[in-house]
Amino acid sequence: MSLVVHGIPNCSTVKKARDWLEARGLAYTFHDFRKQGVPEVALDRWIAVHGWERLLNRAGTTWRQLDETRRATVTDAASARALMLEKPSVIKRPVVDWGEPPGTRCTVGFQPAQFEAAASA
């Protein structure tokens, strides 16, 4: 299994997910949105699989700091995608790619039961 954890290293939810993986001895590669950017092909897959609404973190600081006019422009997959590429911290984290080929199985956010199911699949 080739795991890739996508996120921001100082995000508390990403830290919980990484701790969960490490506690189970699951090796992974970490993709830092801030240093490496958001992989556009992967983002397109995540939107196709989960929908842009699931990926857009409207509860996070980045979203809340956007002015109301900017938030109002996010109305569909294309506008959400543009915002996610511009401000990666607006993506709900972590996004974990669980297998080969990349994008065949991925999860958004961290829930232990969801991770347990994905790790055993």
PDB file of N, CA and C in Angstrom:
ATOM      1  N   MET A   1       0.842  -1.171   0.000  1.00  0.00           N
ATOM      2  CA  MET A   1       0.000   0.000   0.000  1.00  0.00           C
ATOM      3  C   MET A   1       0.892   1.240   0.000  1.00  0.00           C
ATOM      4  N   SER A   2       0.595   2.176  -0.882  1.00  0.00           N
ATOM      5  CA  SER A   2       1.367   3.407  -0.974  1.00  0.00           C
ATOM      6  C   SER A   2       0.496   4.576  -0.528  1.00  0.00           C
ATOM      7  N   LEU A   3       0.641   4.968   0.726  1.00  0.00           N
ATOM      8  CA  LEU A   3      -0.176   6.031   1.301  1.00  0.00           C
ATOM      9  C   LEU A   3       0.440   7.397   1.072  1.00  0.00           C
ATOM     10  N   VAL A   4      -0.413   8.362   0.742  1.00  0.00           N
ATOM     11  CA  VAL A   4       0.026   9.743   0.661  1.00  0.00           C
ATOM     12  C   VAL A   4      -0.954  10.567   1.478  1.00  0.00           C
ATOM     13  N   VAL A   5      -0.426  11.280   2.469  1.00  0.00           N
ATOM     14  CA  VAL A   5      -1.229  12.169   3.298  1.00  0.00           C
ATOM     15  C   VAL A   5      -1.002  13.581   2.780  1.00  0.00           C
ATOM     16  N   HIS A   6      -2.074  14.229   2.361  1.00  0.00           N
ATOM     17  CA  HIS A   6      -2.003  15.593   1.845  1.00  0.00           C
ATOM     18  C   HIS A   6      -2.545  16.535   2.912  1.00  0.00           C
ATOM     19  N   GLY A   7      -1.810  17.620   3.167  1.00  0.00           N
ATOM     20  CA  GLY A   7      -2.295  18.577   4.154  1.00  0.00           C
ATOM     21  C   GLY A   7      -1.264  19.615   4.505  1.00  0.00           C
ATOM     22  N   ILE A   8      -1.424  20.145   5.703  1.00  0.00           N
ATOM     23  CA  ILE A   8      -0.541  21.173   6.236  1.00  0.00           C
ATOM     24  C   ILE A   8      -0.002  20.636   7.561  1.00  0.00           C
ATOM     25  N   PRO A   9       1.312  20.643   7.758  1.00  0.00           N
ATOM     26  CA  PRO A   9       1.884  19.948   8.907  1.00  0.00           C
ATOM     27  C   PRO A   9       1.428  20.450  10.279  1.00  0.00           C
ATOM     28  N   ASN A  10       1.097  21.727  10.412  1.00  0.00           N
ATOM     29  CA  ASN A  10       0.715  22.219  11.738  1.00  0.00           C
ATOM     30  C   ASN A  10      -0.785  22.130  12.005  1.00  0.00           C
ATOM     31  N   CYS A  11      -1.543  21.533  11.094  1.00  0.00           N
ATOM     32  CA  CYS A  11      -2.980  21.337  11.274  1.00  0.00           C
ATOM     33  C   CYS A  11      -3.201  20.230  12.313  1.00  0.00           C
ATOM     34  N   SER A  12      -4.013  20.495  13.316  1.00  0.00           N
ATOM     35  CA  SER A  12      -4.218  19.518  14.388  1.00  0.00           C
ATOM     36  C   SER A  12      -4.877  18.238  13.877  1.00  0.00           C
ATOM     37  N   THR A  13      -5.756  18.334  12.914  1.00  0.00           N
ATOM     38  CA  THR A  13      -6.400  17.138  12.376  1.00  0.00           C
ATOM     39  C   THR A  13      -5.406  16.307  11.574  1.00  0.00           C
ATOM     40  N   VAL A  14      -4.526  16.960  10.848  1.00  0.00           N
ATOM     41  CA  VAL A  14      -3.468  16.243  10.127  1.00  0.00           C
ATOM     42  C   VAL A  14      -2.552  15.546  11.125  1.00  0.00           C
ATOM     43  N   LYS A  15      -2.226  16.219  12.211  1.00  0.00           N
ATOM     44  CA  LYS A  15      -1.374  15.604  13.240  1.00  0.00           C
ATOM     45  C   LYS A  15      -2.035  14.353  13.816  1.00  0.00           C
ATOM     46  N   LYS A  16      -3.337  14.417  14.092  1.00  0.00           N
ATOM     47  CA  LYS A  16      -4.053  13.244  14.615  1.00  0.00           C
ATOM     48  C   LYS A  16      -4.008  12.091  13.620  1.00  0.00           C
ATOM     49  N   ALA A  17      -4.215  12.412  12.349  1.00  0.00           N
ATOM     50  CA  ALA A  17      -4.193  11.375  11.319  1.00  0.00           C
ATOM     51  C   ALA A  17      -2.803  10.741  11.209  1.00  0.00           C
ATOM     52  N   ARG A  18      -1.785  11.569  11.217  1.00  0.00           N
ATOM     53  CA  ARG A  18      -0.416  11.049  11.116  1.00  0.00           C
ATOM     54  C   ARG A  18      -0.073  10.205  12.336  1.00  0.00           C
ATOM     55  N   ASP A  19      -0.483  10.640  13.518  1.00  0.00           N
ATOM     56  CA  ASP A  19      -0.260   9.858  14.736  1.00  0.00           C
ATOM     57  C   ASP A  19      -0.963   8.507  14.639  1.00  0.00           C
ATOM     58  N   TRP A  20      -2.180   8.501  14.105  1.00  0.00           N
ATOM     59  CA  TRP A  20      -2.947   7.267  13.957  1.00  0.00           C
ATOM     60  C   TRP A  20      -2.202   6.301  13.038  1.00  0.00           C
ATOM     61  N   LEU A  21      -1.728   6.800  11.917  1.00  0.00           N
ATOM     62  CA  LEU A  21      -0.994   5.960  10.963  1.00  0.00           C
ATOM     63  C   LEU A  21       0.291   5.423  11.577  1.00  0.00           C
ATOM     64  N   GLU A  22       1.035   6.300  12.248  1.00  0.00           N
ATOM     65  CA  GLU A  22       2.307   5.895  12.856  1.00  0.00           C
ATOM     66  C   GLU A  22       2.097   4.874  13.966  1.00  0.00           C
ATOM     67  N   ALA A  23       1.031   5.030  14.750  1.00  0.00           N
ATOM     68  CA  ALA A  23       0.749   4.085  15.836  1.00  0.00           C
ATOM     69  C   ALA A  23       0.472   2.684  15.292  1.00  0.00           C
ATOM     70  N   ARG A  24       0.032   2.601  14.058  1.00  0.00           N
ATOM     71  CA  ARG A  24      -0.263   1.314  13.435  1.00  0.00           C
ATOM     72  C   ARG A  24       0.846   0.838  12.515  1.00  0.00           C
ATOM     73  N   GLY A  25       1.951   1.572  12.501  1.00  0.00           N
ATOM     74  CA  GLY A  25       3.096   1.182  11.689  1.00  0.00           C
ATOM     75  C   GLY A  25       2.873   1.309  10.193  1.00  0.00           C
ATOM     76  N   LEU A  26       1.959   2.183   9.790  1.00  0.00           N
ATOM     77  CA  LEU A  26       1.672   2.368   8.370  1.00  0.00           C
ATOM     78  C   LEU A  26       2.556   3.480   7.806  1.00  0.00           C
ATOM     79  N   ALA A  27       3.386   3.109   6.859  1.00  0.00           N
ATOM     80  CA  ALA A  27       4.284   4.079   6.229  1.00  0.00           C
ATOM     81  C   ALA A  27       3.487   4.954   5.271  1.00  0.00           C
ATOM     82  N   TYR A  28       3.875   6.209   5.181  1.00  0.00           N
ATOM     83  CA  TYR A  28       3.197   7.130   4.282  1.00  0.00           C
ATOM     84  C   TYR A  28       4.159   8.213   3.830  1.00  0.00           C
ATOM     85  N   THR A  29       3.778   8.871   2.771  1.00  0.00           N
ATOM     86  CA  THR A  29       4.487  10.056   2.289  1.00  0.00           C
ATOM     87  C   THR A  29       3.608  11.245   2.630  1.00  0.00           C
ATOM     88  N   PHE A  30       4.231  12.329   3.082  1.00  0.00           N
ATOM     89  CA  PHE A  30       3.457  13.528   3.401  1.00  0.00           C
ATOM     90  C   PHE A  30       3.632  14.555   2.296  1.00  0.00           C
ATOM     91  N   HIS A  31       2.513  15.046   1.783  1.00  0.00           N
ATOM     92  CA  HIS A  31       2.525  16.089   0.755  1.00  0.00           C
ATOM     93  C   HIS A  31       2.037  17.379   1.411  1.00  0.00           C
ATOM     94  N   ASP A  32       2.947  18.328   1.560  1.00  0.00           N
ATOM     95  CA  ASP A  32       2.665  19.604   2.221  1.00  0.00           C
ATOM     96  C   ASP A  32       2.092  20.594   1.207  1.00  0.00           C
ATOM     97  N   PHE A  33       0.822  20.945   1.383  1.00  0.00           N
ATOM     98  CA  PHE A  33       0.173  21.886   0.474  1.00  0.00           C
ATOM     99  C   PHE A  33       0.912  23.219   0.392  1.00  0.00           C
ATOM    100  N   ARG A  34       1.446  23.677   1.502  1.00  0.00           N
ATOM    101  CA  ARG A  34       2.098  24.991   1.501  1.00  0.00           C
ATOM    102  C   ARG A  34       3.427  24.968   0.755  1.00  0.00           C
ATOM    103  N   LYS A  35       4.197  23.915   0.930  1.00  0.00           N
ATOM    104  CA  LYS A  35       5.518  23.838   0.294  1.00  0.00           C
ATOM    105  C   LYS A  35       5.448  23.284  -1.124  1.00  0.00           C
ATOM    106  N   GLN A  36       4.565  22.312  -1.340  1.00  0.00           N
ATOM    107  CA  GLN A  36       4.533  21.620  -2.615  1.00  0.00           C
ATOM    108  C   GLN A  36       3.341  22.000  -3.488  1.00  0.00           C
ATOM    109  N   GLY A  37       2.433  22.780  -2.932  1.00  0.00           N
ATOM    110  CA  GLY A  37       1.242  23.156  -3.670  1.00  0.00           C
ATOM    111  C   GLY A  37       0.216  22.039  -3.693  1.00  0.00           C
ATOM    112  N   VAL A  38      -0.900  22.337  -4.296  1.00  0.00           N
ATOM    113  CA  VAL A  38      -1.973  21.358  -4.432  1.00  0.00           C
ATOM    114  C   VAL A  38      -1.819  20.695  -5.796  1.00  0.00           C
ATOM    115  N   PRO A  39      -1.687  19.376  -5.825  1.00  0.00           N
ATOM    116  CA  PRO A  39      -1.569  18.699  -7.121  1.00  0.00           C
ATOM    117  C   PRO A  39      -2.901  18.793  -7.873  1.00  0.00           C
ATOM    118  N   GLU A  40      -2.889  19.492  -9.000  1.00  0.00           N
ATOM    119  CA  GLU A  40      -4.134  19.782  -9.714  1.00  0.00           C
ATOM    120  C   GLU A  40      -4.864  18.528 -10.182  1.00  0.00           C
ATOM    121  N   VAL A  41      -4.132  17.556 -10.680  1.00  0.00           N
ATOM    122  CA  VAL A  41      -4.770  16.318 -11.152  1.00  0.00           C
ATOM    123  C   VAL A  41      -5.445  15.612  -9.974  1.00  0.00           C
ATOM    124  N   ALA A  42      -4.761  15.580  -8.839  1.00  0.00           N
ATOM    125  CA  ALA A  42      -5.341  14.957  -7.648  1.00  0.00           C
ATOM    126  C   ALA A  42      -6.571  15.736  -7.179  1.00  0.00           C
ATOM    127  N   LEU A  43      -6.485  17.064  -7.171  1.00  0.00           N
ATOM    128  CA  LEU A  43      -7.625  17.885  -6.756  1.00  0.00           C
ATOM    129  C   LEU A  43      -8.840  17.584  -7.633  1.00  0.00           C
ATOM    130  N   ASP A  44      -8.623  17.467  -8.916  1.00  0.00           N
ATOM    131  CA  ASP A  44      -9.722  17.148  -9.822  1.00  0.00           C
ATOM    132  C   ASP A  44     -10.339  15.789  -9.484  1.00  0.00           C
ATOM    133  N   ARG A  45      -9.499  14.810  -9.135  1.00  0.00           N
ATOM    134  CA  ARG A  45     -10.006  13.482  -8.729  1.00  0.00           C
ATOM    135  C   ARG A  45     -10.802  13.591  -7.443  1.00  0.00           C
ATOM    136  N   TRP A  46     -10.263  14.334  -6.464  1.00  0.00           N
ATOM    137  CA  TRP A  46     -10.960  14.470  -5.176  1.00  0.00           C
ATOM    138  C   TRP A  46     -12.324  15.121  -5.361  1.00  0.00           C
ATOM    139  N   ILE A  47     -12.389  16.130  -6.207  1.00  0.00           N
ATOM    140  CA  ILE A  47     -13.666  16.797  -6.473  1.00  0.00           C
ATOM    141  C   ILE A  47     -14.624  15.824  -7.151  1.00  0.00           C
ATOM    142  N   ALA A  48     -14.121  15.029  -8.094  1.00  0.00           N
ATOM    143  CA  ALA A  48     -14.959  14.054  -8.786  1.00  0.00           C
ATOM    144  C   ALA A  48     -15.491  12.988  -7.830  1.00  0.00           C
ATOM    145  N   VAL A  49     -14.653  12.536  -6.902  1.00  0.00           N
ATOM    146  CA  VAL A  49     -15.038  11.470  -5.983  1.00  0.00           C
ATOM    147  C   VAL A  49     -15.898  11.992  -4.830  1.00  0.00           C
ATOM    148  N   HIS A  50     -15.482  13.091  -4.211  1.00  0.00           N
ATOM    149  CA  HIS A  50     -16.127  13.561  -2.985  1.00  0.00           C
ATOM    150  C   HIS A  50     -17.041  14.767  -3.182  1.00  0.00           C
ATOM    151  N   GLY A  51     -16.882  15.468  -4.280  1.00  0.00           N
ATOM    152  CA  GLY A  51     -17.640  16.700  -4.486  1.00  0.00           C
ATOM    153  C   GLY A  51     -16.918  17.880  -3.860  1.00  0.00           C
ATOM    154  N   TRP A  52     -17.034  19.033  -4.490  1.00  0.00           N
ATOM    155  CA  TRP A  52     -16.325  20.217  -4.007  1.00  0.00           C
ATOM    156  C   TRP A  52     -16.837  20.657  -2.646  1.00  0.00           C
ATOM    157  N   GLU A  53     -18.115  20.420  -2.350  1.00  0.00           N
ATOM    158  CA  GLU A  53     -18.676  20.845  -1.071  1.00  0.00           C
ATOM    159  C   GLU A  53     -18.006  20.120   0.096  1.00  0.00           C
ATOM    160  N   ARG A  54     -17.682  18.860  -0.089  1.00  0.00           N
ATOM    161  CA  ARG A  54     -17.027  18.062   0.964  1.00  0.00           C
ATOM    162  C   ARG A  54     -15.591  18.521   1.185  1.00  0.00           C
ATOM    163  N   LEU A  55     -14.914  18.918   0.110  1.00  0.00           N
ATOM    164  CA  LEU A  55     -13.513  19.334   0.197  1.00  0.00           C
ATOM    165  C   LEU A  55     -13.336  20.746   0.748  1.00  0.00           C
ATOM    166  N   LEU A  56     -14.322  21.596   0.571  1.00  0.00           N
ATOM    167  CA  LEU A  56     -14.204  22.991   0.985  1.00  0.00           C
ATOM    168  C   LEU A  56     -14.481  23.111   2.476  1.00  0.00           C
ATOM    169  N   ASN A  57     -13.481  23.553   3.213  1.00  0.00           N
ATOM    170  CA  ASN A  57     -13.598  23.660   4.676  1.00  0.00           C
ATOM    171  C   ASN A  57     -14.161  25.031   5.053  1.00  0.00           C
ATOM    172  N   ARG A  58     -15.469  25.095   5.154  1.00  0.00           N
ATOM    173  CA  ARG A  58     -16.133  26.354   5.493  1.00  0.00           C
ATOM    174  C   ARG A  58     -16.085  26.664   6.981  1.00  0.00           C
ATOM    175  N   ALA A  59     -15.605  25.726   7.781  1.00  0.00           N
ATOM    176  CA  ALA A  59     -15.490  25.964   9.224  1.00  0.00           C
ATOM    177  C   ALA A  59     -14.110  26.497   9.605  1.00  0.00           C
ATOM    178  N   GLY A  60     -13.178  26.476   8.673  1.00  0.00           N
ATOM    179  CA  GLY A  60     -11.800  26.843   8.970  1.00  0.00           C
ATOM    180  C   GLY A  60     -11.541  28.334   8.957  1.00  0.00           C
ATOM    181  N   THR A  61     -10.400  28.691   9.511  1.00  0.00           N
ATOM    182  CA  THR A  61      -9.975  30.090   9.601  1.00  0.00           C
ATOM    183  C   THR A  61      -9.838  30.740   8.236  1.00  0.00           C
ATOM    184  N   THR A  62      -9.262  30.033   7.277  1.00  0.00           N
ATOM    185  CA  THR A  62      -9.041  30.627   5.954  1.00  0.00           C
ATOM    186  C   THR A  62     -10.361  31.059   5.332  1.00  0.00           C
ATOM    187  N   TRP A  63     -11.372  30.197   5.388  1.00  0.00           N
ATOM    188  CA  TRP A  63     -12.681  30.541   4.839  1.00  0.00           C
ATOM    189  C   TRP A  63     -13.286  31.734   5.582  1.00  0.00           C
ATOM    190  N   ARG A  64     -13.226  31.700   6.890  1.00  0.00           N
ATOM    191  CA  ARG A  64     -13.822  32.788   7.685  1.00  0.00           C
ATOM    192  C   ARG A  64     -13.126  34.117   7.450  1.00  0.00           C
ATOM    193  N   GLN A  65     -11.845  34.087   7.092  1.00  0.00           N
ATOM    194  CA  GLN A  65     -11.111  35.322   6.852  1.00  0.00           C
ATOM    195  C   GLN A  65     -11.365  35.918   5.465  1.00  0.00           C
ATOM    196  N   LEU A  66     -11.967  35.157   4.584  1.00  0.00           N
ATOM    197  CA  LEU A  66     -12.315  35.693   3.269  1.00  0.00           C
ATOM    198  C   LEU A  66     -13.446  36.698   3.439  1.00  0.00           C
ATOM    199  N   ASP A  67     -13.424  37.755   2.644  1.00  0.00           N
ATOM    200  CA  ASP A  67     -14.536  38.699   2.745  1.00  0.00           C
ATOM    201  C   ASP A  67     -15.790  38.058   2.144  1.00  0.00           C
ATOM    202  N   GLU A  68     -16.931  38.573   2.529  1.00  0.00           N
ATOM    203  CA  GLU A  68     -18.209  38.005   2.119  1.00  0.00           C
ATOM    204  C   GLU A  68     -18.353  37.954   0.594  1.00  0.00           C
ATOM    205  N   THR A  69     -17.842  38.965  -0.081  1.00  0.00           N
ATOM    206  CA  THR A  69     -17.920  39.000  -1.540  1.00  0.00           C
ATOM    207  C   THR A  69     -17.181  37.817  -2.148  1.00  0.00           C
ATOM    208  N   ARG A  70     -15.984  37.541  -1.632  1.00  0.00           N
ATOM    209  CA  ARG A  70     -15.184  36.417  -2.147  1.00  0.00           C
ATOM    210  C   ARG A  70     -15.878  35.083  -1.861  1.00  0.00           C
ATOM    211  N   ARG A  71     -16.388  34.926  -0.646  1.00  0.00           N
ATOM    212  CA  ARG A  71     -17.088  33.677  -0.305  1.00  0.00           C
ATOM    213  C   ARG A  71     -18.286  33.458  -1.219  1.00  0.00           C
ATOM    214  N   ALA A  72     -18.973  34.534  -1.568  1.00  0.00           N
ATOM    215  CA  ALA A  72     -20.168  34.433  -2.409  1.00  0.00           C
ATOM    216  C   ALA A  72     -19.845  33.974  -3.831  1.00  0.00           C
ATOM    217  N   THR A  73     -18.592  34.123  -4.248  1.00  0.00           N
ATOM    218  CA  THR A  73     -18.222  33.697  -5.607  1.00  0.00           C
ATOM    219  C   THR A  73     -18.024  32.187  -5.714  1.00  0.00           C
ATOM    220  N   VAL A  74     -17.941  31.500  -4.592  1.00  0.00           N
ATOM    221  CA  VAL A  74     -17.724  30.046  -4.603  1.00  0.00           C
ATOM    222  C   VAL A  74     -19.084  29.366  -4.664  1.00  0.00           C
ATOM    223  N   THR A  75     -19.480  29.025  -5.881  1.00  0.00           N
ATOM    224  CA  THR A  75     -20.823  28.502  -6.112  1.00  0.00           C
ATOM    225  C   THR A  75     -20.856  27.176  -6.849  1.00  0.00           C
ATOM    226  N   ASP A  76     -19.704  26.723  -7.337  1.00  0.00           N
ATOM    227  CA  ASP A  76     -19.675  25.477  -8.101  1.00  0.00           C
ATOM    228  C   ASP A  76     -18.272  24.880  -8.040  1.00  0.00           C
ATOM    229  N   ALA A  77     -18.103  23.749  -8.702  1.00  0.00           N
ATOM    230  CA  ALA A  77     -16.820  23.047  -8.661  1.00  0.00           C
ATOM    231  C   ALA A  77     -15.682  23.899  -9.212  1.00  0.00           C
ATOM    232  N   ALA A  78     -15.930  24.618 -10.290  1.00  0.00           N
ATOM    233  CA  ALA A  78     -14.860  25.414 -10.907  1.00  0.00           C
ATOM    234  C   ALA A  78     -14.409  26.546  -9.991  1.00  0.00           C
ATOM    235  N   SER A  79     -15.341  27.256  -9.372  1.00  0.00           N
ATOM    236  CA  SER A  79     -14.960  28.361  -8.487  1.00  0.00           C
ATOM    237  C   SER A  79     -14.326  27.848  -7.197  1.00  0.00           C
ATOM    238  N   ALA A  80     -14.802  26.712  -6.698  1.00  0.00           N
ATOM    239  CA  ALA A  80     -14.196  26.113  -5.503  1.00  0.00           C
ATOM    240  C   ALA A  80     -12.783  25.637  -5.816  1.00  0.00           C
ATOM    241  N   ARG A  81     -12.606  25.015  -6.977  1.00  0.00           N
ATOM    242  CA  ARG A  81     -11.282  24.539  -7.395  1.00  0.00           C
ATOM    243  C   ARG A  81     -10.294  25.698  -7.465  1.00  0.00           C
ATOM    244  N   ALA A  82     -10.714  26.807  -8.071  1.00  0.00           N
ATOM    245  CA  ALA A  82      -9.833  27.979  -8.189  1.00  0.00           C
ATOM    246  C   ALA A  82      -9.426  28.487  -6.810  1.00  0.00           C
ATOM    247  N   LEU A  83     -10.364  28.535  -5.880  1.00  0.00           N
ATOM    248  CA  LEU A  83     -10.048  28.987  -4.524  1.00  0.00           C
ATOM    249  C   LEU A  83      -9.095  28.011  -3.831  1.00  0.00           C
ATOM    250  N   MET A  84      -9.328  26.715  -3.991  1.00  0.00           N
ATOM    251  CA  MET A  84      -8.472  25.709  -3.352  1.00  0.00           C
ATOM    252  C   MET A  84      -7.044  25.768  -3.884  1.00  0.00           C
ATOM    253  N   LEU A  85      -6.888  26.055  -5.161  1.00  0.00           N
ATOM    254  CA  LEU A  85      -5.541  26.194  -5.715  1.00  0.00           C
ATOM    255  C   LEU A  85      -4.873  27.475  -5.220  1.00  0.00           C
ATOM    256  N   GLU A  86      -5.646  28.534  -5.065  1.00  0.00           N
ATOM    257  CA  GLU A  86      -5.115  29.807  -4.593  1.00  0.00           C
ATOM    258  C   GLU A  86      -4.808  29.782  -3.099  1.00  0.00           C
ATOM    259  N   LYS A  87      -5.693  29.163  -2.326  1.00  0.00           N
ATOM    260  CA  LYS A  87      -5.565  29.122  -0.866  1.00  0.00           C
ATOM    261  C   LYS A  87      -5.731  27.676  -0.390  1.00  0.00           C
ATOM    262  N   PRO A  88      -4.663  26.889  -0.460  1.00  0.00           N
ATOM    263  CA  PRO A  88      -4.749  25.465  -0.126  1.00  0.00           C
ATOM    264  C   PRO A  88      -5.280  25.176   1.277  1.00  0.00           C
ATOM    265  N   SER A  89      -5.116  26.107   2.200  1.00  0.00           N
ATOM    266  CA  SER A  89      -5.582  25.841   3.562  1.00  0.00           C
ATOM    267  C   SER A  89      -7.102  25.848   3.675  1.00  0.00           C
ATOM    268  N   VAL A  90      -7.808  26.146   2.589  1.00  0.00           N
ATOM    269  CA  VAL A  90      -9.266  26.079   2.598  1.00  0.00           C
ATOM    270  C   VAL A  90      -9.759  24.653   2.296  1.00  0.00           C
ATOM    271  N   ILE A  91      -8.841  23.754   1.972  1.00  0.00           N
ATOM    272  CA  ILE A  91      -9.197  22.351   1.716  1.00  0.00           C
ATOM    273  C   ILE A  91      -9.308  21.633   3.056  1.00  0.00           C
ATOM    274  N   LYS A  92     -10.384  20.884   3.214  1.00  0.00           N
ATOM    275  CA  LYS A  92     -10.551  20.087   4.430  1.00  0.00           C
ATOM    276  C   LYS A  92      -9.432  19.055   4.485  1.00  0.00           C
ATOM    277  N   ARG A  93      -8.828  18.925   5.656  1.00  0.00           N
ATOM    278  CA  ARG A  93      -7.642  18.084   5.786  1.00  0.00           C
ATOM    279  C   ARG A  93      -7.824  16.999   6.852  1.00  0.00           C
ATOM    280  N   PRO A  94      -6.999  15.966   6.698  1.00  0.00           N
ATOM    281  CA  PRO A  94      -6.135  15.614   5.577  1.00  0.00           C
ATOM    282  C   PRO A  94      -6.937  14.957   4.462  1.00  0.00           C
ATOM    283  N   VAL A  95      -6.359  14.974   3.277  1.00  0.00           N
ATOM    284  CA  VAL A  95      -6.854  14.141   2.195  1.00  0.00           C
ATOM    285  C   VAL A  95      -5.826  13.021   2.086  1.00  0.00           C
ATOM    286  N   VAL A  96      -6.278  11.797   2.269  1.00  0.00           N
ATOM    287  CA  VAL A  96      -5.365  10.651   2.252  1.00  0.00           C
ATOM    288  C   VAL A  96      -5.677   9.785   1.037  1.00  0.00           C
ATOM    289  N   ASP A  97      -4.645   9.560   0.248  1.00  0.00           N
ATOM    290  CA  ASP A  97      -4.724   8.657  -0.893  1.00  0.00           C
ATOM    291  C   ASP A  97      -4.214   7.311  -0.382  1.00  0.00           C
ATOM    292  N   TRP A  98      -5.087   6.318  -0.352  1.00  0.00           N
ATOM    293  CA  TRP A  98      -4.800   5.048   0.294  1.00  0.00           C
ATOM    294  C   TRP A  98      -4.202   3.982  -0.604  1.00  0.00           C
ATOM    295  N   GLY A  99      -4.078   4.200  -1.890  1.00  0.00           N
ATOM    296  CA  GLY A  99      -3.583   3.065  -2.658  1.00  0.00           C
ATOM    297  C   GLY A  99      -3.116   3.352  -4.058  1.00  0.00           C
ATOM    298  N   GLU A 100      -2.783   2.290  -4.697  1.00  0.00           N
ATOM    299  CA  GLU A 100      -2.313   2.311  -6.071  1.00  0.00           C
ATOM    300  C   GLU A 100      -3.409   1.781  -6.972  1.00  0.00           C
ATOM    301  N   PRO A 101      -3.642   2.340  -8.112  1.00  0.00           N
ATOM    302  CA  PRO A 101      -3.059   3.593  -8.570  1.00  0.00           C
ATOM    303  C   PRO A 101      -3.614   4.763  -7.771  1.00  0.00           C
ATOM    304  N   PRO A 102      -2.865   5.864  -7.730  1.00  0.00           N
ATOM    305  CA  PRO A 102      -3.289   7.023  -6.942  1.00  0.00           C
ATOM    306  C   PRO A 102      -4.705   7.452  -7.307  1.00  0.00           C
ATOM    307  N   GLY A 103      -5.445   7.800  -6.277  1.00  0.00           N
ATOM    308  CA  GLY A 103      -6.782   8.310  -6.483  1.00  0.00           C
ATOM    309  C   GLY A 103      -7.876   7.257  -6.506  1.00  0.00           C
ATOM    310  N   THR A 104      -7.495   5.990  -6.448  1.00  0.00           N
ATOM    311  CA  THR A 104      -8.525   4.958  -6.496  1.00  0.00           C
ATOM    312  C   THR A 104      -9.285   4.880  -5.169  1.00  0.00           C
ATOM    313  N   ARG A 105      -8.618   5.192  -4.080  1.00  0.00           N
ATOM    314  CA  ARG A 105      -9.265   5.240  -2.758  1.00  0.00           C
ATOM    315  C   ARG A 105      -8.705   6.432  -2.008  1.00  0.00           C
ATOM    316  N   CYS A 106      -9.576   7.329  -1.590  1.00  0.00           N
ATOM    317  CA  CYS A 106      -9.101   8.462  -0.805  1.00  0.00           C
ATOM    318  C   CYS A 106     -10.157   8.855   0.213  1.00  0.00           C
ATOM    319  N   THR A 107      -9.699   9.467   1.293  1.00  0.00           N
ATOM    320  CA  THR A 107     -10.592   9.955   2.342  1.00  0.00           C
ATOM    321  C   THR A 107     -10.307  11.434   2.582  1.00  0.00           C
ATOM    322  N   VAL A 108     -11.307  12.114   3.105  1.00  0.00           N
ATOM    323  CA  VAL A 108     -11.185  13.536   3.433  1.00  0.00           C
ATOM    324  C   VAL A 108     -11.491  13.704   4.910  1.00  0.00           C
ATOM    325  N   GLY A 109     -10.599  14.370   5.628  1.00  0.00           N
ATOM    326  CA  GLY A 109     -10.773  14.550   7.062  1.00  0.00           C
ATOM    327  C   GLY A 109     -10.238  13.347   7.816  1.00  0.00           C
ATOM    328  N   PHE A 110     -10.362  13.401   9.132  1.00  0.00           N
ATOM    329  CA  PHE A 110      -9.893  12.282   9.944  1.00  0.00           C
ATOM    330  C   PHE A 110     -10.999  11.790  10.861  1.00  0.00           C
ATOM    331  N   GLN A 111     -11.356  10.543  10.658  1.00  0.00           N
ATOM    332  CA  GLN A 111     -12.261   9.824  11.543  1.00  0.00           C
ATOM    333  C   GLN A 111     -11.649   8.440  11.713  1.00  0.00           C
ATOM    334  N   PRO A 112     -11.340   8.043  12.948  1.00  0.00           N
ATOM    335  CA  PRO A 112     -10.678   6.750  13.154  1.00  0.00           C
ATOM    336  C   PRO A 112     -11.382   5.574  12.478  1.00  0.00           C
ATOM    337  N   ALA A 113     -12.701   5.511  12.541  1.00  0.00           N
ATOM    338  CA  ALA A 113     -13.417   4.386  11.926  1.00  0.00           C
ATOM    339  C   ALA A 113     -13.229   4.382  10.410  1.00  0.00           C
ATOM    340  N   GLN A 114     -13.239   5.561   9.821  1.00  0.00           N
ATOM    341  CA  GLN A 114     -13.034   5.688   8.371  1.00  0.00           C
ATOM    342  C   GLN A 114     -11.629   5.241   8.006  1.00  0.00           C
ATOM    343  N   PHE A 115     -10.639   5.639   8.802  1.00  0.00           N
ATOM    344  CA  PHE A 115      -9.258   5.245   8.555  1.00  0.00           C
ATOM    345  C   PHE A 115      -9.096   3.731   8.730  1.00  0.00           C
ATOM    346  N   GLU A 116      -9.741   3.175   9.735  1.00  0.00           N
ATOM    347  CA  GLU A 116      -9.671   1.732   9.990  1.00  0.00           C
ATOM    348  C   GLU A 116     -10.190   0.972   8.785  1.00  0.00           C
ATOM    349  N   ALA A 117     -11.320   1.387   8.255  1.00  0.00           N
ATOM    350  CA  ALA A 117     -11.897   0.734   7.084  1.00  0.00           C
ATOM    351  C   ALA A 117     -10.994   0.873   5.867  1.00  0.00           C
ATOM    352  N   ALA A 118     -10.443   2.068   5.653  1.00  0.00           N
ATOM    353  CA  ALA A 118      -9.579   2.295   4.495  1.00  0.00           C
ATOM    354  C   ALA A 118      -8.277   1.502   4.608  1.00  0.00           C
ATOM    355  N   ALA A 119      -7.728   1.424   5.802  1.00  0.00           N
ATOM    356  CA  ALA A 119      -6.459   0.716   5.997  1.00  0.00           C
ATOM    357  C   ALA A 119      -6.619  -0.791   5.820  1.00  0.00           C
ATOM    358  N   SER A 120      -7.800  -1.309   6.105  1.00  0.00           N
ATOM    359  CA  SER A 120      -7.991  -2.754   5.999  1.00  0.00           C
ATOM    360  C   SER A 120      -8.553  -3.180   4.650  1.00  0.00           C
ATOM    361  N   ALA A 121      -8.866  -2.222   3.786  1.00  0.00           N
ATOM    362  CA  ALA A 121      -9.426  -2.553   2.461  1.00  0.00           C
ATOM    363  C   ALA A 121      -8.344  -3.017   1.509  1.00  0.00           C
TER     364      ALA A 121
END
